[in-house]
């Protein structure tokens, strides 16, 4: 039986100067994904649509301070990773 290596994706978010820096590293190259930020007890929800580059990476700054939010990255509706800011 051959081992099947699943593609991995990770999301990392940090607050820098009141803005949120979000970095995605994935084995999926040139792939559309979405990042959804939600916070328990808050009605606010932010959705970012991204496309990874030829290295499977994507980094951007959100003007919103997402401290306390949970970021979940999805590809085709499947949850790949989550991070609490």
PDB file of N, CA and C in Angstrom:
ATOM      1  N   UNK A   1       0.852  -1.177   0.000  1.00  0.00           N
ATOM      2  CA  UNK A   1       0.000   0.000   0.000  1.00  0.00           C
ATOM      3  C   UNK A   1       0.896   1.237   0.000  1.00  0.00           C
ATOM      4  N   UNK A   2       0.650   2.114  -0.966  1.00  0.00           N
ATOM      5  CA  UNK A   2       1.421   3.346  -1.049  1.00  0.00           C
ATOM      6  C   UNK A   2       0.813   4.404  -0.141  1.00  0.00           C
ATOM      7  N   UNK A   3       1.667   5.156   0.499  1.00  0.00           N
ATOM      8  CA  UNK A   3       1.190   6.259   1.336  1.00  0.00           C
ATOM      9  C   UNK A   3       0.787   7.416   0.439  1.00  0.00           C
ATOM     10  N   UNK A   4      -0.344   7.992   0.732  1.00  0.00           N
ATOM     11  CA  UNK A   4      -0.815   9.154  -0.020  1.00  0.00           C
ATOM     12  C   UNK A   4      -0.577  10.379   0.842  1.00  0.00           C
ATOM     13  N   UNK A   5       0.199  11.303   0.307  1.00  0.00           N
ATOM     14  CA  UNK A   5       0.506  12.511   1.060  1.00  0.00           C
ATOM     15  C   UNK A   5      -0.545  13.563   0.735  1.00  0.00           C
ATOM     16  N   UNK A   6      -1.241  14.010   1.777  1.00  0.00           N
ATOM     17  CA  UNK A   6      -2.264  15.021   1.570  1.00  0.00           C
ATOM     18  C   UNK A   6      -1.616  16.393   1.474  1.00  0.00           C
ATOM     19  N   UNK A   7      -2.182  17.219   0.625  1.00  0.00           N
ATOM     20  CA  UNK A   7      -1.676  18.581   0.480  1.00  0.00           C
ATOM     21  C   UNK A   7      -1.948  19.325   1.777  1.00  0.00           C
ATOM     22  N   UNK A   8      -0.992  20.123   2.194  1.00  0.00           N
ATOM     23  CA  UNK A   8      -1.182  20.865   3.444  1.00  0.00           C
ATOM     24  C   UNK A   8      -1.339  22.348   3.153  1.00  0.00           C
ATOM     25  N   UNK A   9      -2.104  22.992   4.007  1.00  0.00           N
ATOM     26  CA  UNK A   9      -2.335  24.427   3.910  1.00  0.00           C
ATOM     27  C   UNK A   9      -2.320  24.984   5.319  1.00  0.00           C
ATOM     28  N   UNK A  10      -1.632  26.110   5.501  1.00  0.00           N
ATOM     29  CA  UNK A  10      -1.657  26.741   6.822  1.00  0.00           C
ATOM     30  C   UNK A  10      -1.939  28.225   6.670  1.00  0.00           C
ATOM     31  N   UNK A  11      -2.602  28.762   7.679  1.00  0.00           N
ATOM     32  CA  UNK A  11      -2.914  30.187   7.696  1.00  0.00           C
ATOM     33  C   UNK A  11      -2.349  30.758   8.986  1.00  0.00           C
ATOM     34  N   UNK A  12      -1.757  31.937   8.886  1.00  0.00           N
ATOM     35  CA  UNK A  12      -1.166  32.588  10.051  1.00  0.00           C
ATOM     36  C   UNK A  12      -1.550  34.062  10.005  1.00  0.00           C
ATOM     37  N   UNK A  13      -2.082  34.562  11.105  1.00  0.00           N
ATOM     38  CA  UNK A  13      -2.501  35.962  11.144  1.00  0.00           C
ATOM     39  C   UNK A  13      -1.884  36.648  12.348  1.00  0.00           C
ATOM     40  N   UNK A  14      -1.427  37.882  12.140  1.00  0.00           N
ATOM     41  CA  UNK A  14      -0.831  38.678  13.216  1.00  0.00           C
ATOM     42  C   UNK A  14      -1.322  40.115  13.098  1.00  0.00           C
ATOM     43  N   UNK A  15      -1.467  40.765  14.247  1.00  0.00           N
ATOM     44  CA  UNK A  15      -1.842  42.177  14.258  1.00  0.00           C
ATOM     45  C   UNK A  15      -0.557  43.004  14.168  1.00  0.00           C
ATOM     46  N   UNK A  16      -0.498  43.885  13.162  1.00  0.00           N
ATOM     47  CA  UNK A  16       0.647  44.771  12.990  1.00  0.00           C
ATOM     48  C   UNK A  16       0.111  46.189  12.814  1.00  0.00           C
ATOM     49  N   UNK A  17       0.436  47.069  13.758  1.00  0.00           N
ATOM     50  CA  UNK A  17      -0.011  48.470  13.706  1.00  0.00           C
ATOM     51  C   UNK A  17      -1.522  48.598  13.527  1.00  0.00           C
ATOM     52  N   UNK A  18      -2.279  47.792  14.236  1.00  0.00           N
ATOM     53  CA  UNK A  18      -3.736  47.889  14.173  1.00  0.00           C
ATOM     54  C   UNK A  18      -4.363  47.254  12.960  1.00  0.00           C
ATOM     55  N   UNK A  19      -3.564  46.696  12.080  1.00  0.00           N
ATOM     56  CA  UNK A  19      -4.074  45.987  10.901  1.00  0.00           C
ATOM     57  C   UNK A  19      -3.717  44.514  11.040  1.00  0.00           C
ATOM     58  N   UNK A  20      -4.373  43.673  10.262  1.00  0.00           N
ATOM     59  CA  UNK A  20      -4.126  42.236  10.355  1.00  0.00           C
ATOM     60  C   UNK A  20      -3.344  41.762   9.140  1.00  0.00           C
ATOM     61  N   UNK A  21      -2.184  41.152   9.395  1.00  0.00           N
ATOM     62  CA  UNK A  21      -1.372  40.584   8.315  1.00  0.00           C
ATOM     63  C   UNK A  21      -1.698  39.099   8.247  1.00  0.00           C
ATOM     64  N   UNK A  22      -2.175  38.662   7.089  1.00  0.00           N
ATOM     65  CA  UNK A  22      -2.598  37.271   6.907  1.00  0.00           C
ATOM     66  C   UNK A  22      -1.691  36.610   5.875  1.00  0.00           C
ATOM     67  N   UNK A  23      -1.105  35.490   6.272  1.00  0.00           N
ATOM     68  CA  UNK A  23      -0.215  34.750   5.372  1.00  0.00           C
ATOM     69  C   UNK A  23      -0.738  33.327   5.204  1.00  0.00           C
ATOM     70  N   UNK A  24      -0.798  32.894   3.949  1.00  0.00           N
ATOM     71  CA  UNK A  24      -1.240  31.539   3.627  1.00  0.00           C
ATOM     72  C   UNK A  24      -0.095  30.826   2.931  1.00  0.00           C
ATOM     73  N   UNK A  25       0.199  29.611   3.379  1.00  0.00           N
ATOM     74  CA  UNK A  25       1.197  28.768   2.716  1.00  0.00           C
ATOM     75  C   UNK A  25       0.519  27.446   2.426  1.00  0.00           C
ATOM     76  N   UNK A  26       0.555  27.037   1.150  1.00  0.00           N
ATOM     77  CA  UNK A  26      -0.205  25.861   0.743  1.00  0.00           C
ATOM     78  C   UNK A  26       0.538  25.052  -0.308  1.00  0.00           C
ATOM     79  N   UNK A  27       0.186  23.792  -0.394  1.00  0.00           N
ATOM     80  CA  UNK A  27       0.700  22.946  -1.479  1.00  0.00           C
ATOM     81  C   UNK A  27      -0.106  23.161  -2.761  1.00  0.00           C
ATOM     82  N   UNK A  28      -1.224  23.880  -2.655  1.00  0.00           N
ATOM     83  CA  UNK A  28      -2.054  24.175  -3.823  1.00  0.00           C
ATOM     84  C   UNK A  28      -1.521  25.439  -4.499  1.00  0.00           C
ATOM     85  N   UNK A  29      -1.052  25.330  -5.735  1.00  0.00           N
ATOM     86  CA  UNK A  29      -0.538  26.499  -6.447  1.00  0.00           C
ATOM     87  C   UNK A  29      -1.616  27.049  -7.374  1.00  0.00           C
ATOM     88  N   UNK A  30      -1.602  28.380  -7.557  1.00  0.00           N
ATOM     89  CA  UNK A  30      -2.576  29.065  -8.416  1.00  0.00           C
ATOM     90  C   UNK A  30      -3.995  28.576  -8.154  1.00  0.00           C
ATOM     91  N   UNK A  31      -4.370  28.534  -6.891  1.00  0.00           N
ATOM     92  CA  UNK A  31      -5.656  27.970  -6.498  1.00  0.00           C
ATOM     93  C   UNK A  31      -6.498  29.019  -5.789  1.00  0.00           C
ATOM     94  N   UNK A  32      -7.789  29.075  -6.155  1.00  0.00           N
ATOM     95  CA  UNK A  32      -8.707  30.003  -5.501  1.00  0.00           C
ATOM     96  C   UNK A  32      -9.145  29.419  -4.166  1.00  0.00           C
ATOM     97  N   UNK A  33      -9.111  30.275  -3.143  1.00  0.00           N
ATOM     98  CA  UNK A  33      -9.533  29.884  -1.811  1.00  0.00           C
ATOM     99  C   UNK A  33     -10.277  31.055  -1.196  1.00  0.00           C
ATOM    100  N   UNK A  34     -10.936  30.808  -0.088  1.00  0.00           N
ATOM    101  CA  UNK A  34     -11.568  31.908   0.628  1.00  0.00           C
ATOM    102  C   UNK A  34     -11.213  31.801   2.100  1.00  0.00           C
ATOM    103  N   UNK A  35     -11.102  32.967   2.726  1.00  0.00           N
ATOM    104  CA  UNK A  35     -10.809  33.059   4.146  1.00  0.00           C
ATOM    105  C   UNK A  35     -11.993  33.754   4.791  1.00  0.00           C
ATOM    106  N   UNK A  36     -12.546  33.120   5.814  1.00  0.00           N
ATOM    107  CA  UNK A  36     -13.696  33.685   6.513  1.00  0.00           C
ATOM    108  C   UNK A  36     -13.283  33.971   7.950  1.00  0.00           C
ATOM    109  N   UNK A  37     -13.510  35.214   8.385  1.00  0.00           N
ATOM    110  CA  UNK A  37     -13.179  35.638   9.744  1.00  0.00           C
ATOM    111  C   UNK A  37     -14.464  35.848  10.523  1.00  0.00           C
ATOM    112  N   UNK A  38     -14.609  35.116  11.622  1.00  0.00           N
ATOM    113  CA  UNK A  38     -15.788  35.249  12.468  1.00  0.00           C
ATOM    114  C   UNK A  38     -15.346  35.369  13.922  1.00  0.00           C
ATOM    115  N   UNK A  39     -16.214  35.950  14.731  1.00  0.00           N
ATOM    116  CA  UNK A  39     -15.911  36.110  16.152  1.00  0.00           C
ATOM    117  C   UNK A  39     -17.162  35.771  16.941  1.00  0.00           C
ATOM    118  N   UNK A  40     -17.001  34.914  17.934  1.00  0.00           N
ATOM    119  CA  UNK A  40     -18.140  34.507  18.753  1.00  0.00           C
ATOM    120  C   UNK A  40     -18.727  35.736  19.435  1.00  0.00           C
ATOM    121  N   UNK A  41     -20.027  35.870  19.368  1.00  0.00           N
ATOM    122  CA  UNK A  41     -20.689  37.009  19.992  1.00  0.00           C
ATOM    123  C   UNK A  41     -20.747  38.248  19.116  1.00  0.00           C
ATOM    124  N   UNK A  42     -20.098  38.188  17.944  1.00  0.00           N
ATOM    125  CA  UNK A  42     -20.108  39.330  17.033  1.00  0.00           C
ATOM    126  C   UNK A  42     -20.909  38.986  15.787  1.00  0.00           C
ATOM    127  N   UNK A  43     -21.656  39.971  15.286  1.00  0.00           N
ATOM    128  CA  UNK A  43     -22.420  39.735  14.063  1.00  0.00           C
ATOM    129  C   UNK A  43     -21.571  39.982  12.824  1.00  0.00           C
ATOM    130  N   UNK A  44     -20.387  40.542  13.035  1.00  0.00           N
ATOM    131  CA  UNK A  44     -19.520  40.845  11.893  1.00  0.00           C
ATOM    132  C   UNK A  44     -18.866  39.581  11.359  1.00  0.00           C
ATOM    133  N   UNK A  45     -18.765  39.519  10.042  1.00  0.00           N
ATOM    134  CA  UNK A  45     -18.122  38.397   9.373  1.00  0.00           C
ATOM    135  C   UNK A  45     -17.421  38.962   8.146  1.00  0.00           C
ATOM    136  N   UNK A  46     -16.166  38.616   7.997  1.00  0.00           N
ATOM    137  CA  UNK A  46     -15.386  39.118   6.863  1.00  0.00           C
ATOM    138  C   UNK A  46     -14.982  37.936   5.994  1.00  0.00           C
ATOM    139  N   UNK A  47     -15.135  38.113   4.681  1.00  0.00           N
ATOM    140  CA  UNK A  47     -14.742  37.062   3.740  1.00  0.00           C
ATOM    141  C   UNK A  47     -13.747  37.648   2.751  1.00  0.00           C
ATOM    142  N   UNK A  48     -12.630  36.960   2.595  1.00  0.00           N
ATOM    143  CA  UNK A  48     -11.593  37.376   1.646  1.00  0.00           C
ATOM    144  C   UNK A  48     -11.432  36.267   0.619  1.00  0.00           C
ATOM    145  N   UNK A  49     -11.476  36.632  -0.661  1.00  0.00           N
ATOM    146  CA  UNK A  49     -11.249  35.658  -1.717  1.00  0.00           C
ATOM    147  C   UNK A  49      -9.830  35.851  -2.224  1.00  0.00           C
ATOM    148  N   UNK A  50      -9.060  34.770  -2.216  1.00  0.00           N
ATOM    149  CA  UNK A  50      -7.658  34.853  -2.599  1.00  0.00           C
ATOM    150  C   UNK A  50      -7.341  33.801  -3.655  1.00  0.00           C
ATOM    151  N   UNK A  51      -6.204  33.986  -4.320  1.00  0.00           N
ATOM    152  CA  UNK A  51      -5.666  32.977  -5.222  1.00  0.00           C
ATOM    153  C   UNK A  51      -4.187  32.839  -4.904  1.00  0.00           C
ATOM    154  N   UNK A  52      -3.762  31.636  -4.555  1.00  0.00           N
ATOM    155  CA  UNK A  52      -2.355  31.422  -4.229  1.00  0.00           C
ATOM    156  C   UNK A  52      -1.497  31.618  -5.472  1.00  0.00           C
ATOM    157  N   UNK A  53      -0.228  31.955  -5.259  1.00  0.00           N
ATOM    158  CA  UNK A  53       0.682  32.167  -6.384  1.00  0.00           C
ATOM    159  C   UNK A  53       1.322  30.850  -6.819  1.00  0.00           C
ATOM    160  N   UNK A  54       2.323  30.942  -7.677  1.00  0.00           N
ATOM    161  CA  UNK A  54       2.961  29.742  -8.232  1.00  0.00           C
ATOM    162  C   UNK A  54       3.761  28.976  -7.177  1.00  0.00           C
ATOM    163  N   UNK A  55       3.951  29.595  -5.984  1.00  0.00           N
ATOM    164  CA  UNK A  55       4.619  28.901  -4.875  1.00  0.00           C
ATOM    165  C   UNK A  55       3.602  28.391  -3.846  1.00  0.00           C
ATOM    166  N   UNK A  56       2.333  28.632  -4.117  1.00  0.00           N
ATOM    167  CA  UNK A  56       1.304  28.224  -3.167  1.00  0.00           C
ATOM    168  C   UNK A  56       1.178  29.174  -1.995  1.00  0.00           C
ATOM    169  N   UNK A  57       1.619  30.420  -2.163  1.00  0.00           N
ATOM    170  CA  UNK A  57       1.596  31.381  -1.066  1.00  0.00           C
ATOM    171  C   UNK A  57       0.731  32.586  -1.403  1.00  0.00           C
ATOM    172  N   UNK A  58       0.258  33.243  -0.365  1.00  0.00           N
ATOM    173  CA  UNK A  58      -0.477  34.490  -0.531  1.00  0.00           C
ATOM    174  C   UNK A  58      -0.402  35.233   0.787  1.00  0.00           C
ATOM    175  N   UNK A  59       0.021  36.489   0.754  1.00  0.00           N
ATOM    176  CA  UNK A  59       0.117  37.310   1.957  1.00  0.00           C
ATOM    177  C   UNK A  59      -0.548  38.653   1.668  1.00  0.00           C
ATOM    178  N   UNK A  60      -1.338  39.115   2.608  1.00  0.00           N
ATOM    179  CA  UNK A  60      -1.973  40.422   2.431  1.00  0.00           C
ATOM    180  C   UNK A  60      -2.259  41.033   3.793  1.00  0.00           C
ATOM    181  N   UNK A  61      -2.553  42.339   3.783  1.00  0.00           N
ATOM    182  CA  UNK A  61      -2.923  43.043   5.003  1.00  0.00           C
ATOM    183  C   UNK A  61      -4.379  43.446   4.898  1.00  0.00           C
ATOM    184  N   UNK A  62      -5.125  43.145   5.943  1.00  0.00           N
ATOM    185  CA  UNK A  62      -6.509  43.597   6.037  1.00  0.00           C
ATOM    186  C   UNK A  62      -6.508  44.877   6.860  1.00  0.00           C
ATOM    187  N   UNK A  63      -7.271  45.869   6.448  1.00  0.00           N
ATOM    188  CA  UNK A  63      -7.328  47.121   7.198  1.00  0.00           C
ATOM    189  C   UNK A  63      -8.110  46.947   8.494  1.00  0.00           C
ATOM    190  N   UNK A  64      -8.758  45.791   8.655  1.00  0.00           N
ATOM    191  CA  UNK A  64      -9.556  45.509   9.841  1.00  0.00           C
ATOM    192  C   UNK A  64      -8.684  44.822  10.894  1.00  0.00           C
ATOM    193  N   UNK A  65      -8.802  45.274  12.141  1.00  0.00           N
ATOM    194  CA  UNK A  65      -8.107  44.614  13.238  1.00  0.00           C
ATOM    195  C   UNK A  65      -8.950  43.402  13.632  1.00  0.00           C
ATOM    196  N   UNK A  66      -8.462  42.208  13.331  1.00  0.00           N
ATOM    197  CA  UNK A  66      -9.225  40.980  13.547  1.00  0.00           C
ATOM    198  C   UNK A  66      -8.853  40.280  14.855  1.00  0.00           C
ATOM    199  N   UNK A  67      -8.369  41.051  15.818  1.00  0.00           N
ATOM    200  CA  UNK A  67      -8.006  40.442  17.118  1.00  0.00           C
ATOM    201  C   UNK A  67      -9.230  39.755  17.727  1.00  0.00           C
ATOM    202  N   UNK A  68      -9.071  38.507  18.135  1.00  0.00           N
ATOM    203  CA  UNK A  68     -10.172  37.747  18.708  1.00  0.00           C
ATOM    204  C   UNK A  68     -11.002  36.993  17.693  1.00  0.00           C
ATOM    205  N   UNK A  69     -10.755  37.236  16.405  1.00  0.00           N
ATOM    206  CA  UNK A  69     -11.494  36.538  15.356  1.00  0.00           C
ATOM    207  C   UNK A  69     -10.846  35.188  15.060  1.00  0.00           C
ATOM    208  N   UNK A  70     -11.657  34.251  14.586  1.00  0.00           N
ATOM    209  CA  UNK A  70     -11.155  32.972  14.114  1.00  0.00           C
ATOM    210  C   UNK A  70     -11.158  33.015  12.588  1.00  0.00           C
ATOM    211  N   UNK A  71      -9.998  32.769  11.987  1.00  0.00           N
ATOM    212  CA  UNK A  71      -9.896  32.738  10.530  1.00  0.00           C
ATOM    213  C   UNK A  71      -9.907  31.292  10.072  1.00  0.00           C
ATOM    214  N   UNK A  72     -10.748  30.996   9.099  1.00  0.00           N
ATOM    215  CA  UNK A  72     -10.827  29.655   8.538  1.00  0.00           C
ATOM    216  C   UNK A  72     -10.590  29.774   7.044  1.00  0.00           C
ATOM    217  N   UNK A  73      -9.690  28.945   6.516  1.00  0.00           N
ATOM    218  CA  UNK A  73      -9.428  28.966   5.079  1.00  0.00           C
ATOM    219  C   UNK A  73     -10.108  27.767   4.433  1.00  0.00           C
ATOM    220  N   UNK A  74     -10.809  28.055   3.325  1.00  0.00           N
ATOM    221  CA  UNK A  74     -11.569  27.026   2.610  1.00  0.00           C
ATOM    222  C   UNK A  74     -11.091  26.912   1.171  1.00  0.00           C
ATOM    223  N   UNK A  75     -11.135  25.691   0.652  1.00  0.00           N
ATOM    224  CA  UNK A  75     -10.928  25.438  -0.776  1.00  0.00           C
ATOM    225  C   UNK A  75     -12.072  24.541  -1.206  1.00  0.00           C
ATOM    226  N   UNK A  76     -12.866  25.003  -2.154  1.00  0.00           N
ATOM    227  CA  UNK A  76     -14.037  24.262  -2.634  1.00  0.00           C
ATOM    228  C   UNK A  76     -14.957  23.842  -1.484  1.00  0.00           C
ATOM    229  N   UNK A  77     -15.125  24.740  -0.512  1.00  0.00           N
ATOM    230  CA  UNK A  77     -16.037  24.458   0.595  1.00  0.00           C
ATOM    231  C   UNK A  77     -15.446  23.570   1.686  1.00  0.00           C
ATOM    232  N   UNK A  78     -14.238  23.078   1.506  1.00  0.00           N
ATOM    233  CA  UNK A  78     -13.609  22.204   2.501  1.00  0.00           C
ATOM    234  C   UNK A  78     -12.668  23.017   3.379  1.00  0.00           C
ATOM    235  N   UNK A  79     -12.819  22.869   4.691  1.00  0.00           N
ATOM    236  CA  UNK A  79     -11.953  23.597   5.622  1.00  0.00           C
ATOM    237  C   UNK A  79     -10.556  22.993   5.599  1.00  0.00           C
ATOM    238  N   UNK A  80      -9.554  23.863   5.383  1.00  0.00           N
ATOM    239  CA  UNK A  80      -8.170  23.388   5.316  1.00  0.00           C
ATOM    240  C   UNK A  80      -7.397  23.696   6.594  1.00  0.00           C
ATOM    241  N   UNK A  81      -7.658  24.864   7.196  1.00  0.00           N
ATOM    242  CA  UNK A  81      -6.940  25.235   8.410  1.00  0.00           C
ATOM    243  C   UNK A  81      -7.684  26.371   9.077  1.00  0.00           C
ATOM    244  N   UNK A  82      -7.383  26.583  10.381  1.00  0.00           N
ATOM    245  CA  UNK A  82      -7.961  27.714  11.105  1.00  0.00           C
ATOM    246  C   UNK A  82      -6.934  28.296  12.045  1.00  0.00           C
ATOM    247  N   UNK A  83      -7.105  29.570  12.347  1.00  0.00           N
ATOM    248  CA  UNK A  83      -6.182  30.260  13.234  1.00  0.00           C
ATOM    249  C   UNK A  83      -6.962  31.306  14.008  1.00  0.00           C
ATOM    250  N   UNK A  84      -6.691  31.410  15.298  1.00  0.00           N
ATOM    251  CA  UNK A  84      -7.324  32.442  16.120  1.00  0.00           C
ATOM    252  C   UNK A  84      -6.336  33.584  16.253  1.00  0.00           C
ATOM    253  N   UNK A  85      -6.801  34.781  15.921  1.00  0.00           N
ATOM    254  CA  UNK A  85      -5.918  35.956  15.951  1.00  0.00           C
ATOM    255  C   UNK A  85      -5.796  36.456  17.375  1.00  0.00           C
TER     256      UNK A  85
END
